């Protein structure tokens, strides 16, 4: 009877508060949230960024280079969001890539979550965190290959570079943009 009093009762319910707290307090998500917040605070108004009246063909190659340099400095945050928008578009329009990323991310999160309490042991052998991540990569590699993740990454980089270079070279920088950027 004395042994039964010391045992806690098992309810079968998962404590969601500890689960969500561990995800929210993760340093990775905190850094990502602060980075996005920093970029959002530096974003220029989209009406200014897409002002059709300010698009013109540069007269010389040195003017084009000067425009590109100034526009990248001024509209860097806008360009980051263009890149993120293209990446989101690619992921959402490729269901297999979305599934592969979900499986990979979910497995990585699960490994990270489970190893906080105890290391993974199978048949008496403890697996290190690196070995577990390598196993996830090995399992997900064929999925990424089938989803053509490599070509998607290069498409995102190429399309982003093209759109950003086109905007930066054709968009004339006004004196008011340079002054407000200096302040």
C-alpha atoms as a PDB file:
ATOM      1  CA  UNK A   1       0.000   0.000   0.000  1.00  0.00           C
ATOM      2  CA  UNK A   2       2.798   2.434   0.785  1.00  0.00           C
ATOM      3  CA  UNK A   3       4.278   2.010  -2.699  1.00  0.00           C
ATOM      4  CA  UNK A   4       0.979   2.943  -4.373  1.00  0.00           C
ATOM      5  CA  UNK A   5       0.819   6.296  -2.588  1.00  0.00           C
ATOM      6  CA  UNK A   6       4.122   7.469  -4.075  1.00  0.00           C
ATOM      7  CA  UNK A   7       3.099   6.834  -7.703  1.00  0.00           C
ATOM      8  CA  UNK A   8       1.559   9.759  -9.634  1.00  0.00           C
ATOM      9  CA  UNK A   9      -1.611   9.124 -11.577  1.00  0.00           C
ATOM     10  CA  UNK A  10      -1.255   9.013 -15.379  1.00  0.00           C
ATOM     11  CA  UNK A  11      -4.016  10.914 -17.131  1.00  0.00           C
ATOM     12  CA  UNK A  12      -3.101  10.263 -20.780  1.00  0.00           C
ATOM     13  CA  UNK A  13      -3.310  13.950 -21.688  1.00  0.00           C
ATOM     14  CA  UNK A  14      -0.443  15.814 -23.311  1.00  0.00           C
ATOM     15  CA  UNK A  15       0.594  19.004 -21.577  1.00  0.00           C
ATOM     16  CA  UNK A  16       0.465  21.504 -24.433  1.00  0.00           C
ATOM     17  CA  UNK A  17       1.788  24.401 -22.349  1.00  0.00           C
ATOM     18  CA  UNK A  18       5.250  22.862 -22.072  1.00  0.00           C
ATOM     19  CA  UNK A  19       5.167  21.842 -25.724  1.00  0.00           C
ATOM     20  CA  UNK A  20       4.353  25.319 -27.034  1.00  0.00           C
ATOM     21  CA  UNK A  21       6.647  27.027 -24.560  1.00  0.00           C
ATOM     22  CA  UNK A  22       9.645  25.008 -25.705  1.00  0.00           C
ATOM     23  CA  UNK A  23       8.959  25.886 -29.346  1.00  0.00           C
ATOM     24  CA  UNK A  24       8.309  29.574 -28.657  1.00  0.00           C
ATOM     25  CA  UNK A  25      11.345  29.983 -26.429  1.00  0.00           C
ATOM     26  CA  UNK A  26      13.673  28.287 -28.893  1.00  0.00           C
ATOM     27  CA  UNK A  27      16.593  30.542 -29.723  1.00  0.00           C
ATOM     28  CA  UNK A  28      16.219  29.836 -33.449  1.00  0.00           C
ATOM     29  CA  UNK A  29      12.657  31.120 -33.577  1.00  0.00           C
ATOM     30  CA  UNK A  30      13.576  34.107 -31.425  1.00  0.00           C
ATOM     31  CA  UNK A  31      16.418  35.076 -33.753  1.00  0.00           C
ATOM     32  CA  UNK A  32      14.214  34.572 -36.809  1.00  0.00           C
ATOM     33  CA  UNK A  33      11.455  36.697 -35.303  1.00  0.00           C
ATOM     34  CA  UNK A  34      13.868  39.517 -34.420  1.00  0.00           C
ATOM     35  CA  UNK A  35      15.476  39.392 -37.894  1.00  0.00           C
ATOM     36  CA  UNK A  36      12.088  39.624 -39.643  1.00  0.00           C
ATOM     37  CA  UNK A  37      11.062  42.426 -37.272  1.00  0.00           C
ATOM     38  CA  UNK A  38      14.257  44.324 -38.047  1.00  0.00           C
ATOM     39  CA  UNK A  39      13.720  43.954 -41.803  1.00  0.00           C
ATOM     40  CA  UNK A  40      10.060  44.986 -41.498  1.00  0.00           C
ATOM     41  CA  UNK A  41      11.048  48.135 -39.636  1.00  0.00           C
ATOM     42  CA  UNK A  42      13.477  49.080 -42.431  1.00  0.00           C
ATOM     43  CA  UNK A  43      11.077  48.369 -45.289  1.00  0.00           C
ATOM     44  CA  UNK A  44      10.287  51.327 -47.516  1.00  0.00           C
ATOM     45  CA  UNK A  45       6.672  52.026 -48.540  1.00  0.00           C
ATOM     46  CA  UNK A  46       5.611  49.795 -51.406  1.00  0.00           C
ATOM     47  CA  UNK A  47       3.971  52.773 -53.157  1.00  0.00           C
ATOM     48  CA  UNK A  48       7.403  54.438 -53.285  1.00  0.00           C
ATOM     49  CA  UNK A  49       9.108  51.170 -54.263  1.00  0.00           C
ATOM     50  CA  UNK A  50       6.719  50.581 -57.184  1.00  0.00           C
ATOM     51  CA  UNK A  51       6.304  54.204 -58.340  1.00  0.00           C
ATOM     52  CA  UNK A  52       5.999  53.760 -62.112  1.00  0.00           C
ATOM     53  CA  UNK A  53       6.926  57.394 -62.802  1.00  0.00           C
ATOM     54  CA  UNK A  54      10.434  56.824 -61.467  1.00  0.00           C
ATOM     55  CA  UNK A  55      11.331  53.981 -63.823  1.00  0.00           C
ATOM     56  CA  UNK A  56      13.594  55.075 -66.664  1.00  0.00           C
ATOM     57  CA  UNK A  57      16.384  53.742 -68.801  1.00  0.00           C
ATOM     58  CA  UNK A  58      19.816  54.751 -67.486  1.00  0.00           C
ATOM     59  CA  UNK A  59      21.836  56.836 -69.957  1.00  0.00           C
ATOM     60  CA  UNK A  60      25.222  55.270 -69.220  1.00  0.00           C
ATOM     61  CA  UNK A  61      26.564  52.142 -67.615  1.00  0.00           C
ATOM     62  CA  UNK A  62      28.064  54.174 -64.766  1.00  0.00           C
ATOM     63  CA  UNK A  63      24.612  55.650 -64.050  1.00  0.00           C
ATOM     64  CA  UNK A  64      23.169  52.127 -64.010  1.00  0.00           C
ATOM     65  CA  UNK A  65      25.864  50.966 -61.590  1.00  0.00           C
ATOM     66  CA  UNK A  66      25.249  53.993 -59.380  1.00  0.00           C
ATOM     67  CA  UNK A  67      21.486  53.350 -59.403  1.00  0.00           C
ATOM     68  CA  UNK A  68      21.953  49.693 -58.525  1.00  0.00           C
ATOM     69  CA  UNK A  69      24.261  50.501 -55.617  1.00  0.00           C
ATOM     70  CA  UNK A  70      21.964  53.175 -54.187  1.00  0.00           C
ATOM     71  CA  UNK A  71      18.770  51.160 -54.706  1.00  0.00           C
ATOM     72  CA  UNK A  72      20.209  48.077 -53.022  1.00  0.00           C
ATOM     73  CA  UNK A  73      21.198  50.221 -50.037  1.00  0.00           C
ATOM     74  CA  UNK A  74      17.840  51.989 -49.847  1.00  0.00           C
ATOM     75  CA  UNK A  75      15.482  49.113 -50.705  1.00  0.00           C
ATOM     76  CA  UNK A  76      17.383  46.168 -49.216  1.00  0.00           C
ATOM     77  CA  UNK A  77      14.496  45.158 -46.934  1.00  0.00           C
ATOM     78  CA  UNK A  78      12.031  45.308 -49.838  1.00  0.00           C
ATOM     79  CA  UNK A  79      14.317  43.055 -51.874  1.00  0.00           C
ATOM     80  CA  UNK A  80      14.501  40.571 -49.000  1.00  0.00           C
ATOM     81  CA  UNK A  81      10.708  40.370 -48.947  1.00  0.00           C
ATOM     82  CA  UNK A  82      10.637  39.878 -52.733  1.00  0.00           C
ATOM     83  CA  UNK A  83      13.024  36.943 -52.278  1.00  0.00           C
ATOM     84  CA  UNK A  84      10.887  35.515 -49.447  1.00  0.00           C
ATOM     85  CA  UNK A  85       7.744  35.962 -51.546  1.00  0.00           C
ATOM     86  CA  UNK A  86       9.262  34.042 -54.466  1.00  0.00           C
ATOM     87  CA  UNK A  87      10.448  31.292 -52.117  1.00  0.00           C
ATOM     88  CA  UNK A  88       6.992  31.028 -50.541  1.00  0.00           C
ATOM     89  CA  UNK A  89       5.395  30.892 -53.991  1.00  0.00           C
ATOM     90  CA  UNK A  90       7.682  28.029 -55.044  1.00  0.00           C
ATOM     91  CA  UNK A  91       7.065  26.032 -51.896  1.00  0.00           C
ATOM     92  CA  UNK A  92       3.291  26.461 -51.966  1.00  0.00           C
ATOM     93  CA  UNK A  93       2.968  25.593 -55.656  1.00  0.00           C
ATOM     94  CA  UNK A  94       5.000  22.394 -55.326  1.00  0.00           C
ATOM     95  CA  UNK A  95       3.032  19.958 -53.146  1.00  0.00           C
ATOM     96  CA  UNK A  96       5.778  17.324 -53.028  1.00  0.00           C
ATOM     97  CA  UNK A  97       8.336  19.918 -51.961  1.00  0.00           C
ATOM     98  CA  UNK A  98       5.926  21.140 -49.293  1.00  0.00           C
ATOM     99  CA  UNK A  99       5.505  17.567 -48.022  1.00  0.00           C
ATOM    100  CA  UNK A 100       9.276  16.944 -48.056  1.00  0.00           C
ATOM    101  CA  UNK A 101       9.961  20.160 -46.140  1.00  0.00           C
ATOM    102  CA  UNK A 102       7.210  19.320 -43.643  1.00  0.00           C
ATOM    103  CA  UNK A 103       8.587  15.840 -43.018  1.00  0.00           C
ATOM    104  CA  UNK A 104      12.146  17.121 -42.699  1.00  0.00           C
ATOM    105  CA  UNK A 105      11.186  20.000 -40.427  1.00  0.00           C
ATOM    106  CA  UNK A 106       8.882  17.856 -38.321  1.00  0.00           C
ATOM    107  CA  UNK A 107      11.476  15.132 -37.876  1.00  0.00           C
ATOM    108  CA  UNK A 108      14.147  17.667 -36.970  1.00  0.00           C
ATOM    109  CA  UNK A 109      11.854  19.353 -34.455  1.00  0.00           C
ATOM    110  CA  UNK A 110      10.912  15.961 -32.953  1.00  0.00           C
ATOM    111  CA  UNK A 111      14.570  14.943 -32.602  1.00  0.00           C
ATOM    112  CA  UNK A 112      15.395  18.241 -30.943  1.00  0.00           C
ATOM    113  CA  UNK A 113      12.373  17.967 -28.634  1.00  0.00           C
ATOM    114  CA  UNK A 114      12.918  14.327 -27.620  1.00  0.00           C
ATOM    115  CA  UNK A 115      16.656  14.824 -26.928  1.00  0.00           C
ATOM    116  CA  UNK A 116      15.964  17.523 -24.335  1.00  0.00           C
ATOM    117  CA  UNK A 117      14.663  14.917 -21.917  1.00  0.00           C
ATOM    118  CA  UNK A 118      16.708  11.849 -22.861  1.00  0.00           C
ATOM    119  CA  UNK A 119      18.916  10.640 -25.729  1.00  0.00           C
ATOM    120  CA  UNK A 120      17.472   8.203 -28.273  1.00  0.00           C
ATOM    121  CA  UNK A 121      18.362   4.593 -27.480  1.00  0.00           C
ATOM    122  CA  UNK A 122      17.581   1.691 -29.826  1.00  0.00           C
ATOM    123  CA  UNK A 123      18.615  -1.878 -28.950  1.00  0.00           C
ATOM    124  CA  UNK A 124      20.822  -0.622 -26.136  1.00  0.00           C
ATOM    125  CA  UNK A 125      22.785   1.821 -28.357  1.00  0.00           C
ATOM    126  CA  UNK A 126      22.558   5.550 -27.781  1.00  0.00           C
ATOM    127  CA  UNK A 127      22.461   7.664 -30.929  1.00  0.00           C
ATOM    128  CA  UNK A 128      24.052  11.101 -30.865  1.00  0.00           C
ATOM    129  CA  UNK A 129      22.189  14.159 -32.081  1.00  0.00           C
ATOM    130  CA  UNK A 130      24.402  14.349 -35.191  1.00  0.00           C
ATOM    131  CA  UNK A 131      23.625  10.716 -36.073  1.00  0.00           C
ATOM    132  CA  UNK A 132      19.902  11.376 -35.727  1.00  0.00           C
ATOM    133  CA  UNK A 133      20.078  14.453 -37.963  1.00  0.00           C
ATOM    134  CA  UNK A 134      22.114  12.449 -40.505  1.00  0.00           C
ATOM    135  CA  UNK A 135      19.401   9.786 -40.529  1.00  0.00           C
ATOM    136  CA  UNK A 136      16.722  12.419 -41.192  1.00  0.00           C
ATOM    137  CA  UNK A 137      18.833  13.849 -44.016  1.00  0.00           C
ATOM    138  CA  UNK A 138      19.346  10.375 -45.469  1.00  0.00           C
ATOM    139  CA  UNK A 139      15.613   9.657 -45.386  1.00  0.00           C
ATOM    140  CA  UNK A 140      14.600  13.073 -46.766  1.00  0.00           C
ATOM    141  CA  UNK A 141      17.236  13.249 -49.505  1.00  0.00           C
ATOM    142  CA  UNK A 142      15.233  11.090 -51.955  1.00  0.00           C
ATOM    143  CA  UNK A 143      12.129  13.179 -51.223  1.00  0.00           C
ATOM    144  CA  UNK A 144      14.005  16.397 -51.992  1.00  0.00           C
ATOM    145  CA  UNK A 145      15.386  14.813 -55.157  1.00  0.00           C
ATOM    146  CA  UNK A 146      11.894  13.785 -56.296  1.00  0.00           C
ATOM    147  CA  UNK A 147      10.542  17.236 -55.467  1.00  0.00           C
ATOM    148  CA  UNK A 148      13.411  18.782 -57.486  1.00  0.00           C
ATOM    149  CA  UNK A 149      14.469  20.970 -54.585  1.00  0.00           C
ATOM    150  CA  UNK A 150      17.804  21.765 -56.214  1.00  0.00           C
ATOM    151  CA  UNK A 151      16.254  23.272 -59.324  1.00  0.00           C
ATOM    152  CA  UNK A 152      13.745  25.124 -57.160  1.00  0.00           C
ATOM    153  CA  UNK A 153      16.540  26.731 -55.136  1.00  0.00           C
ATOM    154  CA  UNK A 154      18.335  27.839 -58.300  1.00  0.00           C
ATOM    155  CA  UNK A 155      15.066  29.137 -59.796  1.00  0.00           C
ATOM    156  CA  UNK A 156      14.422  31.217 -56.661  1.00  0.00           C
ATOM    157  CA  UNK A 157      17.960  32.621 -56.732  1.00  0.00           C
ATOM    158  CA  UNK A 158      17.807  33.353 -60.470  1.00  0.00           C
ATOM    159  CA  UNK A 159      14.332  34.898 -60.424  1.00  0.00           C
ATOM    160  CA  UNK A 160      15.193  37.003 -57.377  1.00  0.00           C
ATOM    161  CA  UNK A 161      18.418  38.215 -58.949  1.00  0.00           C
ATOM    162  CA  UNK A 162      16.614  39.085 -62.193  1.00  0.00           C
ATOM    163  CA  UNK A 163      13.755  40.986 -60.520  1.00  0.00           C
ATOM    164  CA  UNK A 164      16.047  42.802 -58.089  1.00  0.00           C
ATOM    165  CA  UNK A 165      18.612  43.714 -60.767  1.00  0.00           C
ATOM    166  CA  UNK A 166      15.852  44.904 -63.101  1.00  0.00           C
ATOM    167  CA  UNK A 167      14.278  47.096 -60.430  1.00  0.00           C
ATOM    168  CA  UNK A 168      17.579  48.401 -59.096  1.00  0.00           C
ATOM    169  CA  UNK A 169      18.910  49.344 -62.533  1.00  0.00           C
ATOM    170  CA  UNK A 170      15.731  50.965 -63.908  1.00  0.00           C
ATOM    171  CA  UNK A 171      14.452  52.728 -60.782  1.00  0.00           C
ATOM    172  CA  UNK A 172      15.717  56.308 -60.578  1.00  0.00           C
ATOM    173  CA  UNK A 173      16.723  57.333 -57.071  1.00  0.00           C
ATOM    174  CA  UNK A 174      15.274  60.675 -56.018  1.00  0.00           C
ATOM    175  CA  UNK A 175      16.969  63.132 -53.707  1.00  0.00           C
ATOM    176  CA  UNK A 176      14.179  62.723 -51.123  1.00  0.00           C
ATOM    177  CA  UNK A 177      14.843  58.962 -50.899  1.00  0.00           C
ATOM    178  CA  UNK A 178      18.538  59.544 -50.328  1.00  0.00           C
ATOM    179  CA  UNK A 179      17.874  62.222 -47.680  1.00  0.00           C
ATOM    180  CA  UNK A 180      15.341  60.135 -45.769  1.00  0.00           C
ATOM    181  CA  UNK A 181      17.710  57.162 -45.908  1.00  0.00           C
ATOM    182  CA  UNK A 182      20.564  59.258 -44.490  1.00  0.00           C
ATOM    183  CA  UNK A 183      18.409  60.310 -41.509  1.00  0.00           C
END
